[in-house]
Amino acid sequence: MQEKHFSINQLRWQRFKHHRRGYWSLWIFAILFIISLFSEFIANDKPILIKYQDNYYSPVFNNYPETTFGGQFETNTNYLDPYVQNNIEQQGWMIWPPVRTTYNSLVYDTQSTFPTSPSGSHWLGTTDSGFDVFANILYGFRISMFFAILLTLFTSVIGIFLGAIQGYNGGKIDLLGQRFIEIWAGMPQLFLIILLSSVIQPNFWWLLAITILFGWMALVGVVRAEFLRTRNLDYIRAAKALGINDIKIMFKHIMPNAMVATLTFLPFILCGSITTLTTLDFLGFGLPLDAPSLGRLLLQGKNNLQAPWLGISAFLIVATLLSLLIFIGEAVRDAFDPNKGVYA
């Protein structure tokens, strides 16, 4: 089939599909991410649905006091309590997730000290603090992806905007911008995060803001180079001669060309964002201690060499996630490469 019969986007999709490793990596990554979005329905210490005295309850979405199910206390119901379970089962039923524990619920049904090895009730064992490893991987995967996606989105928007300003204007604006980037890139990011962590209690949004401050430079050079190359082409000069304002020229006529190179970098930036969060959690300067974390699971494996399932589980999920993103990035790069052939 001839290339002229395809639109440009169809050509790119055909190239992407032909890269089998990247194509199937995209499917695997999408399935894993979708599964993680429903973590509460897979690993939770609360039932998905309860029928009690002809009424229906959804503990996954709402908190109910123990008195709702015949208990004596107004505190939130502990659905793992045999007394509560017996009351509910006598007058109704419960639908449980496949794993009856969440990432921060202590495990009590073990016959040995923590960390315990994999079993039927705890598929990947438990940590030395008594938390289920599978639940922590599931929730940790989700929070890592949300962090990486938000970090990639914000840093890309800032980097594209500043790169466009520098490349389009050139001259002193470009010169001053490049000198500022050189100075800012030389700042010790990890050292500053460690200092700030000693005076500010780190959380998801604080950590995201700090990493955005130091991560926006990844795309500046790519976008700047494209704008510098394109701004003096004939069609841009013609647009200026016709009186079209600079903003419209930048974002309507030049930006589409710059986005081609930018999109090929996004999977790799996403990969780097996950690595950043994992590293900070491993070193103890990342998410709060009560948050699920892949980096902290790696630290568990390091500190508990007698429990190899901890290190192996954490390593496999991190390695698989980063490998999938790298393969997707390679496929996207080939898809946007005009020198690649066309495949039906």
C-alpha atoms as a PDB file:
ATOM      1  CA  MET A   1       0.000   0.000   0.000  1.00  0.00           C
ATOM      2  CA  GLN A   2       1.388   3.365  -0.981  1.00  0.00           C
ATOM      3  CA  GLU A   3       2.204   6.057   1.559  1.00  0.00           C
ATOM      4  CA  LYS A   4       0.170   8.707  -0.285  1.00  0.00           C
ATOM      5  CA  HIS A   5      -3.042   6.866   0.581  1.00  0.00           C
ATOM      6  CA  PHE A   6      -2.534   7.613   4.276  1.00  0.00           C
ATOM      7  CA  SER A   7      -2.958  10.780   6.275  1.00  0.00           C
ATOM      8  CA  ILE A   8       0.004  11.806   8.433  1.00  0.00           C
ATOM      9  CA  ASN A   9      -1.625  10.526  11.636  1.00  0.00           C
ATOM     10  CA  GLN A  10      -2.532   7.225   9.993  1.00  0.00           C
ATOM     11  CA  LEU A  11       1.075   6.850   8.893  1.00  0.00           C
ATOM     12  CA  ARG A  12       2.280   7.398  12.435  1.00  0.00           C
ATOM     13  CA  TRP A  13      -0.229   4.906  13.847  1.00  0.00           C
ATOM     14  CA  GLN A  14       0.840   2.304  11.293  1.00  0.00           C
ATOM     15  CA  ARG A  15       4.495   2.800  12.262  1.00  0.00           C
ATOM     16  CA  PHE A  16       3.594   2.564  15.943  1.00  0.00           C
ATOM     17  CA  LYS A  17       1.642  -0.672  15.462  1.00  0.00           C
ATOM     18  CA  HIS A  18       4.490  -2.166  13.450  1.00  0.00           C
ATOM     19  CA  HIS A  19       6.740  -1.680  16.485  1.00  0.00           C
ATOM     20  CA  ARG A  20       5.298  -4.781  18.131  1.00  0.00           C
ATOM     21  CA  ARG A  21       7.188  -4.462  21.396  1.00  0.00           C
ATOM     22  CA  GLY A  22       6.002  -0.893  21.939  1.00  0.00           C
ATOM     23  CA  TYR A  23       2.471  -1.635  20.757  1.00  0.00           C
ATOM     24  CA  TRP A  24       1.948  -4.525  23.160  1.00  0.00           C
ATOM     25  CA  SER A  25       3.718  -2.614  25.936  1.00  0.00           C
ATOM     26  CA  LEU A  26       1.095   0.103  25.536  1.00  0.00           C
ATOM     27  CA  TRP A  27      -1.688  -2.438  25.966  1.00  0.00           C
ATOM     28  CA  ILE A  28      -0.061  -4.043  28.999  1.00  0.00           C
ATOM     29  CA  PHE A  29       0.606  -0.654  30.585  1.00  0.00           C
ATOM     30  CA  ALA A  30      -2.975   0.490  29.938  1.00  0.00           C
ATOM     31  CA  ILE A  31      -4.389  -2.684  31.519  1.00  0.00           C
ATOM     32  CA  LEU A  32      -2.174  -2.349  34.595  1.00  0.00           C
ATOM     33  CA  PHE A  33      -3.062   1.315  35.003  1.00  0.00           C
ATOM     34  CA  ILE A  34      -6.808   0.662  34.655  1.00  0.00           C
ATOM     35  CA  ILE A  35      -6.576  -2.153  37.206  1.00  0.00           C
ATOM     36  CA  SER A  36      -4.803   0.178  39.644  1.00  0.00           C
ATOM     37  CA  LEU A  37      -7.642   2.697  39.313  1.00  0.00           C
ATOM     38  CA  PHE A  38      -9.934   0.134  40.933  1.00  0.00           C
ATOM     39  CA  SER A  39      -7.562  -0.730  43.772  1.00  0.00           C
ATOM     40  CA  GLU A  40     -10.285  -0.276  46.396  1.00  0.00           C
ATOM     41  CA  PHE A  41     -12.297  -3.038  44.712  1.00  0.00           C
ATOM     42  CA  ILE A  42      -9.329  -5.417  44.584  1.00  0.00           C
ATOM     43  CA  ALA A  43      -7.572  -4.971  47.935  1.00  0.00           C
ATOM     44  CA  ASN A  44      -9.538  -3.484  50.801  1.00  0.00           C
ATOM     45  CA  ASP A  45     -10.425  -4.219  54.406  1.00  0.00           C
ATOM     46  CA  LYS A  46     -13.989  -3.095  53.685  1.00  0.00           C
ATOM     47  CA  PRO A  47     -16.631  -5.053  51.756  1.00  0.00           C
ATOM     48  CA  ILE A  48     -17.661  -3.765  48.340  1.00  0.00           C
ATOM     49  CA  LEU A  49     -21.366  -4.187  49.076  1.00  0.00           C
ATOM     50  CA  ILE A  50     -23.375  -5.163  52.151  1.00  0.00           C
ATOM     51  CA  LYS A  51     -27.003  -6.171  52.490  1.00  0.00           C
ATOM     52  CA  TYR A  52     -28.167  -5.875  56.090  1.00  0.00           C
ATOM     53  CA  GLN A  53     -31.813  -5.926  57.242  1.00  0.00           C
ATOM     54  CA  ASP A  54     -33.044  -5.328  53.673  1.00  0.00           C
ATOM     55  CA  ASN A  55     -30.820  -2.242  53.315  1.00  0.00           C
ATOM     56  CA  TYR A  56     -27.781  -1.931  51.072  1.00  0.00           C
ATOM     57  CA  TYR A  57     -24.500  -0.322  52.101  1.00  0.00           C
ATOM     58  CA  SER A  58     -21.306   0.493  50.201  1.00  0.00           C
ATOM     59  CA  PRO A  59     -18.423   0.743  52.712  1.00  0.00           C
ATOM     60  CA  VAL A  60     -15.928   1.391  49.905  1.00  0.00           C
ATOM     61  CA  PHE A  61     -17.548   4.800  49.325  1.00  0.00           C
ATOM     62  CA  ASN A  62     -18.981   5.615  52.751  1.00  0.00           C
ATOM     63  CA  ASN A  63     -18.093   5.184  56.410  1.00  0.00           C
ATOM     64  CA  TYR A  64     -20.693   3.633  58.687  1.00  0.00           C
ATOM     65  CA  PRO A  65     -20.643   3.463  62.498  1.00  0.00           C
ATOM     66  CA  GLU A  66     -20.618   0.047  64.103  1.00  0.00           C
ATOM     67  CA  THR A  67     -24.112   0.616  65.471  1.00  0.00           C
ATOM     68  CA  THR A  68     -25.434   0.431  61.891  1.00  0.00           C
ATOM     69  CA  PHE A  69     -24.698  -3.296  61.917  1.00  0.00           C
ATOM     70  CA  GLY A  70     -25.790  -4.101  65.463  1.00  0.00           C
ATOM     71  CA  GLY A  71     -22.594  -3.050  67.244  1.00  0.00           C
ATOM     72  CA  GLN A  72     -22.240  -0.999  70.397  1.00  0.00           C
ATOM     73  CA  PHE A  73     -19.856   1.789  69.340  1.00  0.00           C
ATOM     74  CA  GLU A  74     -20.291   4.922  67.211  1.00  0.00           C
ATOM     75  CA  THR A  75     -16.812   4.538  65.733  1.00  0.00           C
ATOM     76  CA  ASN A  76     -16.215   3.434  62.150  1.00  0.00           C
ATOM     77  CA  THR A  77     -16.962  -0.232  61.620  1.00  0.00           C
ATOM     78  CA  ASN A  78     -14.147  -2.750  61.619  1.00  0.00           C
ATOM     79  CA  TYR A  79     -15.497  -5.234  59.078  1.00  0.00           C
ATOM     80  CA  LEU A  80     -12.795  -7.786  59.921  1.00  0.00           C
ATOM     81  CA  ASP A  81     -14.169  -8.069  63.460  1.00  0.00           C
ATOM     82  CA  PRO A  82     -15.798 -11.536  63.805  1.00  0.00           C
ATOM     83  CA  TYR A  83     -18.591 -10.028  65.907  1.00  0.00           C
ATOM     84  CA  VAL A  84     -19.518  -7.536  63.166  1.00  0.00           C
ATOM     85  CA  GLN A  85     -19.228 -10.180  60.458  1.00  0.00           C
ATOM     86  CA  ASN A  86     -21.486 -12.528  62.383  1.00  0.00           C
ATOM     87  CA  ASN A  87     -24.146  -9.815  62.845  1.00  0.00           C
ATOM     88  CA  ILE A  88     -24.160  -8.982  59.146  1.00  0.00           C
ATOM     89  CA  GLU A  89     -24.182 -12.608  57.945  1.00  0.00           C
ATOM     90  CA  GLN A  90     -27.101 -13.476  60.217  1.00  0.00           C
ATOM     91  CA  GLN A  91     -29.285 -10.804  58.622  1.00  0.00           C
ATOM     92  CA  GLY A  92     -27.730 -10.321  55.188  1.00  0.00           C
ATOM     93  CA  TRP A  93     -24.535 -10.854  53.233  1.00  0.00           C
ATOM     94  CA  MET A  94     -21.275  -9.182  52.202  1.00  0.00           C
ATOM     95  CA  ILE A  95     -19.299  -9.042  48.939  1.00  0.00           C
ATOM     96  CA  TRP A  96     -15.572  -8.808  49.683  1.00  0.00           C
ATOM     97  CA  PRO A  97     -12.676  -7.786  47.413  1.00  0.00           C
ATOM     98  CA  PRO A  98     -10.286 -10.602  46.416  1.00  0.00           C
ATOM     99  CA  VAL A  99      -7.749  -9.334  49.005  1.00  0.00           C
ATOM    100  CA  ARG A 100      -9.221  -8.396  52.387  1.00  0.00           C
ATOM    101  CA  THR A 101      -6.636  -5.823  53.359  1.00  0.00           C
ATOM    102  CA  THR A 102      -5.598  -2.388  52.182  1.00  0.00           C
ATOM    103  CA  TYR A 103      -2.153  -0.816  52.050  1.00  0.00           C
ATOM    104  CA  ASN A 104      -2.239   0.592  55.602  1.00  0.00           C
ATOM    105  CA  SER A 105      -4.249  -2.028  57.492  1.00  0.00           C
ATOM    106  CA  LEU A 106      -2.295  -4.209  59.921  1.00  0.00           C
ATOM    107  CA  VAL A 107      -2.353  -7.943  59.317  1.00  0.00           C
ATOM    108  CA  TYR A 108      -3.344 -10.081  62.327  1.00  0.00           C
ATOM    109  CA  ASP A 109      -4.003 -13.505  60.782  1.00  0.00           C
ATOM    110  CA  THR A 110      -0.391 -14.701  60.694  1.00  0.00           C
ATOM    111  CA  GLN A 111       1.285 -17.515  62.586  1.00  0.00           C
ATOM    112  CA  SER A 112       4.823 -16.083  62.407  1.00  0.00           C
ATOM    113  CA  THR A 113       6.579 -12.788  62.964  1.00  0.00           C
ATOM    114  CA  PHE A 114       6.748 -10.112  60.290  1.00  0.00           C
ATOM    115  CA  PRO A 115       7.733 -10.081  57.521  1.00  0.00           C
ATOM    116  CA  THR A 116       5.765 -13.198  56.591  1.00  0.00           C
ATOM    117  CA  SER A 117       6.220 -15.163  53.385  1.00  0.00           C
ATOM    118  CA  PRO A 118       3.615 -15.317  50.584  1.00  0.00           C
ATOM    119  CA  SER A 119       0.472 -17.293  51.409  1.00  0.00           C
ATOM    120  CA  GLY A 120      -3.084 -17.806  50.223  1.00  0.00           C
ATOM    121  CA  SER A 121      -4.372 -14.805  52.182  1.00  0.00           C
ATOM    122  CA  HIS A 122      -1.338 -12.597  51.475  1.00  0.00           C
ATOM    123  CA  TRP A 123      -0.195 -13.324  47.937  1.00  0.00           C
ATOM    124  CA  LEU A 124       3.164 -11.533  48.162  1.00  0.00           C
ATOM    125  CA  GLY A 125       3.659 -11.756  51.913  1.00  0.00           C
ATOM    126  CA  THR A 126       3.800  -8.901  54.407  1.00  0.00           C
ATOM    127  CA  THR A 127       6.292  -6.182  55.272  1.00  0.00           C
ATOM    128  CA  ASP A 128       8.224  -5.956  58.532  1.00  0.00           C
ATOM    129  CA  SER A 129       5.558  -3.513  59.752  1.00  0.00           C
ATOM    130  CA  GLY A 130       2.692  -5.942  59.152  1.00  0.00           C
ATOM    131  CA  PHE A 131       1.260  -4.538  55.903  1.00  0.00           C
ATOM    132  CA  ASP A 132       0.248  -6.574  52.876  1.00  0.00           C
ATOM    133  CA  VAL A 133       2.835  -6.329  50.062  1.00  0.00           C
ATOM    134  CA  PHE A 134       0.383  -6.895  47.202  1.00  0.00           C
ATOM    135  CA  ALA A 135      -1.922  -4.112  48.452  1.00  0.00           C
ATOM    136  CA  ASN A 136       1.022  -1.743  48.784  1.00  0.00           C
ATOM    137  CA  ILE A 137       2.196  -2.533  45.245  1.00  0.00           C
ATOM    138  CA  LEU A 138      -1.311  -2.005  43.872  1.00  0.00           C
ATOM    139  CA  TYR A 139      -1.873   1.339  45.593  1.00  0.00           C
ATOM    140  CA  GLY A 140       1.762   2.371  45.179  1.00  0.00           C
ATOM    141  CA  PHE A 141       1.564   1.781  41.435  1.00  0.00           C
ATOM    142  CA  ARG A 142      -1.459   4.068  41.218  1.00  0.00           C
ATOM    143  CA  ILE A 143      -0.017   6.924  43.238  1.00  0.00           C
ATOM    144  CA  SER A 144       3.278   6.672  41.324  1.00  0.00           C
ATOM    145  CA  MET A 145       1.437   6.943  38.013  1.00  0.00           C
ATOM    146  CA  PHE A 146      -0.661   9.910  39.136  1.00  0.00           C
ATOM    147  CA  PHE A 147       2.459  11.650  40.401  1.00  0.00           C
ATOM    148  CA  ALA A 148       4.374  10.928  37.187  1.00  0.00           C
ATOM    149  CA  ILE A 149       1.506  12.001  34.915  1.00  0.00           C
ATOM    150  CA  LEU A 150       0.964  15.279  36.777  1.00  0.00           C
ATOM    151  CA  LEU A 151       4.699  15.981  36.921  1.00  0.00           C
ATOM    152  CA  THR A 152       5.094  15.258  33.201  1.00  0.00           C
ATOM    153  CA  LEU A 153       2.078  17.406  32.332  1.00  0.00           C
ATOM    154  CA  PHE A 154       3.108  20.475  34.330  1.00  0.00           C
ATOM    155  CA  THR A 155       6.807  20.322  33.489  1.00  0.00           C
ATOM    156  CA  SER A 156       5.997  19.847  29.796  1.00  0.00           C
ATOM    157  CA  VAL A 157       3.645  22.837  29.694  1.00  0.00           C
ATOM    158  CA  ILE A 158       6.212  25.070  31.419  1.00  0.00           C
ATOM    159  CA  GLY A 159       9.114  23.779  29.323  1.00  0.00           C
ATOM    160  CA  ILE A 160       7.235  24.126  26.023  1.00  0.00           C
ATOM    161  CA  PHE A 161       6.086  27.663  26.852  1.00  0.00           C
ATOM    162  CA  LEU A 162       9.519  28.913  27.926  1.00  0.00           C
ATOM    163  CA  GLY A 163      11.271  27.163  25.048  1.00  0.00           C
ATOM    164  CA  ALA A 164       8.837  28.757  22.617  1.00  0.00           C
ATOM    165  CA  ILE A 165       9.434  32.231  24.079  1.00  0.00           C
ATOM    166  CA  GLN A 166      13.208  31.826  23.884  1.00  0.00           C
ATOM    167  CA  GLY A 167      13.328  30.334  20.412  1.00  0.00           C
ATOM    168  CA  TYR A 168      10.858  32.705  18.795  1.00  0.00           C
ATOM    169  CA  ASN A 169      12.327  35.921  20.182  1.00  0.00           C
ATOM    170  CA  GLY A 170      16.016  34.983  20.185  1.00  0.00           C
ATOM    171  CA  GLY A 171      18.500  37.735  21.020  1.00  0.00           C
ATOM    172  CA  LYS A 172      18.787  38.882  24.619  1.00  0.00           C
ATOM    173  CA  ILE A 173      15.694  36.942  25.742  1.00  0.00           C
ATOM    174  CA  ASP A 174      17.218  33.702  24.499  1.00  0.00           C
ATOM    175  CA  LEU A 175      20.646  34.556  25.927  1.00  0.00           C
ATOM    176  CA  LEU A 176      19.330  35.450  29.375  1.00  0.00           C
ATOM    177  CA  GLY A 177      17.037  32.428  29.351  1.00  0.00           C
ATOM    178  CA  GLN A 178      19.880  30.058  28.585  1.00  0.00           C
ATOM    179  CA  ARG A 179      22.080  31.527  31.308  1.00  0.00           C
ATOM    180  CA  PHE A 180      19.239  31.193  33.824  1.00  0.00           C
ATOM    181  CA  ILE A 181      18.670  27.569  32.838  1.00  0.00           C
ATOM    182  CA  GLU A 182      22.371  26.809  33.235  1.00  0.00           C
ATOM    183  CA  ILE A 183      22.349  28.259  36.748  1.00  0.00           C
ATOM    184  CA  TRP A 184      19.050  26.598  37.715  1.00  0.00           C
ATOM    185  CA  ALA A 185      20.131  23.204  36.338  1.00  0.00           C
ATOM    186  CA  GLY A 186      23.236  23.378  38.543  1.00  0.00           C
ATOM    187  CA  MET A 187      21.176  23.614  41.734  1.00  0.00           C
ATOM    188  CA  PRO A 188      21.476  20.459  43.898  1.00  0.00           C
ATOM    189  CA  GLN A 189      17.888  19.247  43.666  1.00  0.00           C
ATOM    190  CA  LEU A 190      18.153  16.346  46.099  1.00  0.00           C
ATOM    191  CA  PHE A 191      20.059  18.414  48.639  1.00  0.00           C
ATOM    192  CA  LEU A 192      17.403  21.150  48.569  1.00  0.00           C
ATOM    193  CA  ILE A 193      14.601  18.605  48.990  1.00  0.00           C
ATOM    194  CA  ILE A 194      16.413  17.146  52.003  1.00  0.00           C
ATOM    195  CA  LEU A 195      16.754  20.610  53.532  1.00  0.00           C
ATOM    196  CA  LEU A 196      13.113  21.474  52.924  1.00  0.00           C
ATOM    197  CA  SER A 197      11.979  18.101  54.303  1.00  0.00           C
ATOM    198  CA  SER A 198      13.560  19.003  57.639  1.00  0.00           C
ATOM    199  CA  VAL A 199      11.317  22.060  58.042  1.00  0.00           C
ATOM    200  CA  ILE A 200       8.205  21.095  56.027  1.00  0.00           C
ATOM    201  CA  GLN A 201       6.188  17.907  56.393  1.00  0.00           C
ATOM    202  CA  PRO A 202       6.298  16.413  52.885  1.00  0.00           C
ATOM    203  CA  ASN A 203       3.071  15.376  51.172  1.00  0.00           C
ATOM    204  CA  PHE A 204       1.982  14.521  47.645  1.00  0.00           C
ATOM    205  CA  TRP A 205       1.330  18.087  46.460  1.00  0.00           C
ATOM    206  CA  TRP A 206       4.350  19.618  48.184  1.00  0.00           C
ATOM    207  CA  LEU A 207       6.611  16.992  46.647  1.00  0.00           C
ATOM    208  CA  LEU A 208       5.016  17.529  43.242  1.00  0.00           C
ATOM    209  CA  ALA A 209       5.591  21.298  43.465  1.00  0.00           C
ATOM    210  CA  ILE A 210       9.258  20.873  44.392  1.00  0.00           C
ATOM    211  CA  THR A 211       9.961  18.414  41.583  1.00  0.00           C
ATOM    212  CA  ILE A 212       8.180  20.673  39.078  1.00  0.00           C
ATOM    213  CA  LEU A 213      10.506  23.531  40.057  1.00  0.00           C
ATOM    214  CA  PHE A 214      13.521  21.473  38.987  1.00  0.00           C
ATOM    215  CA  GLY A 215      12.004  19.328  36.247  1.00  0.00           C
ATOM    216  CA  TRP A 216      10.658  21.835  33.723  1.00  0.00           C
ATOM    217  CA  MET A 217      13.946  22.121  31.807  1.00  0.00           C
ATOM    218  CA  ALA A 218      13.695  18.783  29.993  1.00  0.00           C
ATOM    219  CA  LEU A 219      11.797  20.088  26.938  1.00  0.00           C
ATOM    220  CA  VAL A 220      13.086  23.669  26.785  1.00  0.00           C
ATOM    221  CA  GLY A 221      16.038  22.825  24.557  1.00  0.00           C
ATOM    222  CA  VAL A 222      13.992  20.751  22.098  1.00  0.00           C
ATOM    223  CA  VAL A 223      11.254  23.358  21.671  1.00  0.00           C
ATOM    224  CA  ARG A 224      13.750  26.238  21.576  1.00  0.00           C
ATOM    225  CA  ALA A 225      15.747  24.591  18.792  1.00  0.00           C
ATOM    226  CA  GLU A 226      12.624  23.991  16.697  1.00  0.00           C
ATOM    227  CA  PHE A 227      11.475  27.580  17.094  1.00  0.00           C
ATOM    228  CA  LEU A 228      14.934  28.918  16.250  1.00  0.00           C
ATOM    229  CA  ARG A 229      14.966  26.786  13.099  1.00  0.00           C
ATOM    230  CA  THR A 230      11.438  27.669  12.003  1.00  0.00           C
ATOM    231  CA  ARG A 231      11.064  31.356  12.853  1.00  0.00           C
ATOM    232  CA  ASN A 232      12.964  32.575   9.761  1.00  0.00           C
ATOM    233  CA  LEU A 233      11.293  30.295   7.210  1.00  0.00           C
ATOM    234  CA  ASP A 234       9.382  31.910   4.370  1.00  0.00           C
ATOM    235  CA  TYR A 235       5.887  31.030   5.555  1.00  0.00           C
ATOM    236  CA  ILE A 236       6.580  32.544   8.992  1.00  0.00           C
ATOM    237  CA  ARG A 237       7.890  35.747   7.376  1.00  0.00           C
ATOM    238  CA  ALA A 238       4.819  35.830   5.165  1.00  0.00           C
ATOM    239  CA  ALA A 239       2.563  35.487   8.233  1.00  0.00           C
ATOM    240  CA  LYS A 240       4.355  38.385   9.903  1.00  0.00           C
ATOM    241  CA  ALA A 241       4.018  40.483   6.743  1.00  0.00           C
ATOM    242  CA  LEU A 242       0.272  39.820   6.732  1.00  0.00           C
ATOM    243  CA  GLY A 243       0.038  41.271  10.243  1.00  0.00           C
ATOM    244  CA  ILE A 244      -0.661  38.063  12.143  1.00  0.00           C
ATOM    245  CA  ASN A 245       0.237  38.567  15.802  1.00  0.00           C
ATOM    246  CA  ASP A 246       3.174  36.753  17.358  1.00  0.00           C
ATOM    247  CA  ILE A 247       1.100  34.597  19.720  1.00  0.00           C
ATOM    248  CA  LYS A 248      -0.901  33.145  16.840  1.00  0.00           C
ATOM    249  CA  ILE A 249       2.234  32.511  14.786  1.00  0.00           C
ATOM    250  CA  MET A 250       3.947  30.794  17.705  1.00  0.00           C
ATOM    251  CA  PHE A 251       1.163  28.471  18.749  1.00  0.00           C
ATOM    252  CA  LYS A 252      -0.623  27.876  15.444  1.00  0.00           C
ATOM    253  CA  HIS A 253       2.142  27.825  12.829  1.00  0.00           C
ATOM    254  CA  ILE A 254       5.331  26.815  14.690  1.00  0.00           C
ATOM    255  CA  MET A 255       4.129  24.835  17.708  1.00  0.00           C
ATOM    256  CA  PRO A 256       2.731  21.861  15.689  1.00  0.00           C
ATOM    257  CA  ASN A 257       6.224  21.284  14.278  1.00  0.00           C
ATOM    258  CA  ALA A 258       7.786  21.473  17.742  1.00  0.00           C
ATOM    259  CA  MET A 259       5.209  19.066  19.193  1.00  0.00           C
ATOM    260  CA  VAL A 260       6.447  16.233  16.997  1.00  0.00           C
ATOM    261  CA  ALA A 261       9.814  16.188  18.764  1.00  0.00           C
ATOM    262  CA  THR A 262       8.165  16.917  22.105  1.00  0.00           C
ATOM    263  CA  LEU A 263       5.797  13.933  21.984  1.00  0.00           C
ATOM    264  CA  THR A 264       8.671  11.520  21.428  1.00  0.00           C
ATOM    265  CA  PHE A 265      10.224  12.667  24.705  1.00  0.00           C
ATOM    266  CA  LEU A 266       7.089  12.360  26.869  1.00  0.00           C
ATOM    267  CA  PRO A 267       7.284   8.605  27.647  1.00  0.00           C
ATOM    268  CA  PHE A 268      10.920   9.031  28.708  1.00  0.00           C
ATOM    269  CA  ILE A 269      10.019  12.035  30.891  1.00  0.00           C
ATOM    270  CA  LEU A 270       7.228   9.958  32.423  1.00  0.00           C
ATOM    271  CA  CYS A 271       9.751   7.214  33.134  1.00  0.00           C
ATOM    272  CA  GLY A 272      12.111   9.719  34.775  1.00  0.00           C
ATOM    273  CA  SER A 273       9.278  11.091  36.922  1.00  0.00           C
ATOM    274  CA  ILE A 274       8.531   7.639  38.331  1.00  0.00           C
ATOM    275  CA  THR A 275      12.225   7.105  39.029  1.00  0.00           C
ATOM    276  CA  THR A 276      12.393  10.445  40.855  1.00  0.00           C
ATOM    277  CA  LEU A 277       9.517   9.567  43.201  1.00  0.00           C
ATOM    278  CA  THR A 278      10.815   6.048  43.792  1.00  0.00           C
ATOM    279  CA  THR A 279      14.296   7.355  44.617  1.00  0.00           C
ATOM    280  CA  LEU A 280      13.021   9.980  47.046  1.00  0.00           C
ATOM    281  CA  ASP A 281      10.813   7.422  48.814  1.00  0.00           C
ATOM    282  CA  PHE A 282      13.721   4.975  49.017  1.00  0.00           C
ATOM    283  CA  LEU A 283      15.900   7.646  50.641  1.00  0.00           C
ATOM    284  CA  GLY A 284      13.118   8.661  53.038  1.00  0.00           C
ATOM    285  CA  PHE A 285      12.462  12.142  51.604  1.00  0.00           C
ATOM    286  CA  GLY A 286       9.387  11.361  49.520  1.00  0.00           C
ATOM    287  CA  LEU A 287       5.761  10.699  50.376  1.00  0.00           C
ATOM    288  CA  PRO A 288       4.533  10.526  53.997  1.00  0.00           C
ATOM    289  CA  LEU A 289       5.120   7.272  55.848  1.00  0.00           C
ATOM    290  CA  ASP A 290       1.413   6.388  55.754  1.00  0.00           C
ATOM    291  CA  ALA A 291       1.264   6.595  51.948  1.00  0.00           C
ATOM    292  CA  PRO A 292       1.766   3.541  49.686  1.00  0.00           C
ATOM    293  CA  SER A 293       5.139   3.677  47.999  1.00  0.00           C
ATOM    294  CA  LEU A 294       7.131   1.505  45.600  1.00  0.00           C
ATOM    295  CA  GLY A 295      10.353   3.126  46.754  1.00  0.00           C
ATOM    296  CA  ARG A 296       9.646   2.238  50.357  1.00  0.00           C
ATOM    297  CA  LEU A 297       9.002  -1.360  49.335  1.00  0.00           C
ATOM    298  CA  LEU A 298      12.456  -1.411  47.742  1.00  0.00           C
ATOM    299  CA  LEU A 299      13.834  -0.146  51.042  1.00  0.00           C
ATOM    300  CA  GLN A 300      11.972  -2.973  52.804  1.00  0.00           C
ATOM    301  CA  GLY A 301      13.742  -5.453  50.553  1.00  0.00           C
ATOM    302  CA  LYS A 302      17.117  -3.871  51.329  1.00  0.00           C
ATOM    303  CA  ASN A 303      16.507  -3.949  55.078  1.00  0.00           C
ATOM    304  CA  ASN A 304      15.119  -7.502  55.128  1.00  0.00           C
ATOM    305  CA  LEU A 305      17.472  -9.666  53.093  1.00  0.00           C
ATOM    306  CA  GLN A 306      16.118 -12.715  54.922  1.00  0.00           C
ATOM    307  CA  ALA A 307      12.766 -12.050  53.186  1.00  0.00           C
ATOM    308  CA  PRO A 308      13.686 -12.070  49.471  1.00  0.00           C
ATOM    309  CA  TRP A 309      10.063 -11.804  48.343  1.00  0.00           C
ATOM    310  CA  LEU A 310      10.035  -8.164  49.428  1.00  0.00           C
ATOM    311  CA  GLY A 311      12.926  -7.060  47.235  1.00  0.00           C
ATOM    312  CA  ILE A 312      11.941  -9.311  44.331  1.00  0.00           C
ATOM    313  CA  SER A 313       8.313  -8.087  44.291  1.00  0.00           C
ATOM    314  CA  ALA A 314       9.264  -4.412  44.436  1.00  0.00           C
ATOM    315  CA  PHE A 315      12.043  -4.790  41.873  1.00  0.00           C
ATOM    316  CA  LEU A 316       9.856  -6.662  39.383  1.00  0.00           C
ATOM    317  CA  ILE A 317       7.022  -4.118  39.457  1.00  0.00           C
ATOM    318  CA  VAL A 318       9.374  -1.124  39.139  1.00  0.00           C
ATOM    319  CA  ALA A 319      11.460  -2.779  36.430  1.00  0.00           C
ATOM    320  CA  THR A 320       8.350  -3.854  34.504  1.00  0.00           C
ATOM    321  CA  LEU A 321       6.791  -0.395  34.709  1.00  0.00           C
ATOM    322  CA  LEU A 322       9.940   1.411  33.553  1.00  0.00           C
ATOM    323  CA  SER A 323      10.564  -1.144  30.781  1.00  0.00           C
ATOM    324  CA  LEU A 324       7.035  -0.747  29.425  1.00  0.00           C
ATOM    325  CA  LEU A 325       7.408   3.035  29.297  1.00  0.00           C
ATOM    326  CA  ILE A 326      10.793   2.776  27.571  1.00  0.00           C
ATOM    327  CA  PHE A 327       9.366   0.409  24.952  1.00  0.00           C
ATOM    328  CA  ILE A 328       6.398   2.739  24.388  1.00  0.00           C
ATOM    329  CA  GLY A 329       8.793   5.669  24.033  1.00  0.00           C
ATOM    330  CA  GLU A 330      10.823   3.814  21.420  1.00  0.00           C
ATOM    331  CA  ALA A 331       7.664   3.041  19.463  1.00  0.00           C
ATOM    332  CA  VAL A 332       6.502   6.673  19.611  1.00  0.00           C
ATOM    333  CA  ARG A 333       9.934   7.826  18.447  1.00  0.00           C
ATOM    334  CA  ASP A 334       9.777   5.485  15.449  1.00  0.00           C
ATOM    335  CA  ALA A 335       6.192   6.523  14.709  1.00  0.00           C
ATOM    336  CA  PHE A 336       7.203  10.177  14.370  1.00  0.00           C
ATOM    337  CA  ASP A 337      10.351   9.400  12.378  1.00  0.00           C
ATOM    338  CA  PRO A 338       9.647  10.389   8.726  1.00  0.00           C
ATOM    339  CA  ASN A 339      12.500   8.178   7.550  1.00  0.00           C
ATOM    340  CA  LYS A 340      10.697   5.047   8.678  1.00  0.00           C
ATOM    341  CA  GLY A 341       8.702   3.096   6.133  1.00  0.00           C
ATOM    342  CA  VAL A 342       4.932   2.576   5.970  1.00  0.00           C
ATOM    343  CA  TYR A 343       3.372  -0.683   7.057  1.00  0.00           C
ATOM    344  CA  ALA A 344      -0.117  -1.877   6.326  1.00  0.00           C
END
